[in-house]
Amino acid sequence: MSEYDEKLVQAVREGAKEGKLSCTAARKIAGEFKVPPKVIGDICDLNKIKIKACELGCF
């Protein structure tokens, strides 16, 4: 997990409620940190966080 910025990982963890992160929140975090949505998806996978309400099929 060290390959990801700790602030980014923390933002994903904080955004996840009950182990779930909305697609909207995931895309917002990706935009704030200027990373592709796939990076957020990878972080979610590593932290066993599910993406919910996916709008564009990005995850």
Protein backbone atom coordinates (compact mmCIF):
# COMPACT_ATOMS: atom_id res chain seq x y z
CA MET A 1 0.00 0.00 0.00
CA SER A 2 2.99 2.29 0.35
CA GLU A 3 2.78 3.10 -3.35
CA TYR A 4 -0.23 5.35 -2.66
CA ASP A 5 -0.02 8.70 -0.93
CA GLU A 6 -1.18 8.28 2.67
CA LYS A 7 -3.38 11.40 2.41
CA LEU A 8 -5.16 9.86 -0.57
CA VAL A 9 -5.68 6.56 1.24
CA GLN A 10 -6.97 8.42 4.30
CA ALA A 11 -9.41 10.43 2.16
CA VAL A 12 -10.82 7.21 0.71
CA ARG A 13 -11.13 5.62 4.16
CA GLU A 14 -12.82 8.73 5.58
CA GLY A 15 -15.23 8.90 2.65
CA ALA A 16 -16.26 5.28 3.07
CA LYS A 17 -19.20 4.74 5.38
CA GLU A 18 -19.75 1.21 6.65
CA GLY A 19 -17.22 -0.10 4.14
CA LYS A 20 -18.87 1.56 1.15
CA LEU A 21 -17.93 4.57 -0.96
CA SER A 22 -20.30 6.15 -3.45
CA CYS A 23 -19.20 6.49 -7.04
CA THR A 24 -19.72 10.25 -6.79
CA ALA A 25 -17.44 10.50 -3.75
CA ALA A 26 -14.82 8.28 -5.39
CA ARG A 27 -14.73 10.43 -8.52
CA LYS A 28 -14.57 13.59 -6.39
CA ILE A 29 -11.58 12.25 -4.44
CA ALA A 30 -9.90 11.25 -7.71
CA GLY A 31 -10.39 14.79 -9.01
CA GLU A 32 -9.11 16.43 -5.84
CA PHE A 33 -5.94 14.34 -5.88
CA LYS A 34 -5.60 14.45 -9.69
CA VAL A 35 -5.47 10.66 -10.06
CA PRO A 36 -7.43 8.38 -12.40
CA PRO A 37 -10.56 6.77 -10.90
CA LYS A 38 -8.83 3.39 -11.21
CA VAL A 39 -6.39 4.42 -8.46
CA ILE A 40 -9.33 5.02 -6.12
CA GLY A 41 -10.77 1.65 -7.13
CA ASP A 42 -7.46 -0.05 -6.37
CA ILE A 43 -7.27 1.60 -2.95
CA CYS A 44 -10.85 0.50 -2.27
CA ASP A 45 -9.98 -3.07 -3.26
CA LEU A 46 -6.95 -3.11 -0.95
CA ASN A 47 -9.07 -1.79 1.93
CA LYS A 48 -12.09 -4.01 1.21
CA ILE A 49 -14.27 -0.97 0.47
CA LYS A 50 -17.11 -1.45 -1.99
CA ILE A 51 -18.09 1.19 -4.56
CA LYS A 52 -21.85 1.79 -4.45
CA ALA A 53 -24.21 3.53 -6.83
CA CYS A 54 -21.72 3.38 -9.70
CA GLU A 55 -22.86 5.82 -12.35
CA LEU A 56 -20.42 5.40 -15.23
CA GLY A 57 -18.99 1.92 -14.85
CA CYS A 58 -15.60 3.36 -13.87
CA PHE A 59 -15.09 0.95 -10.99
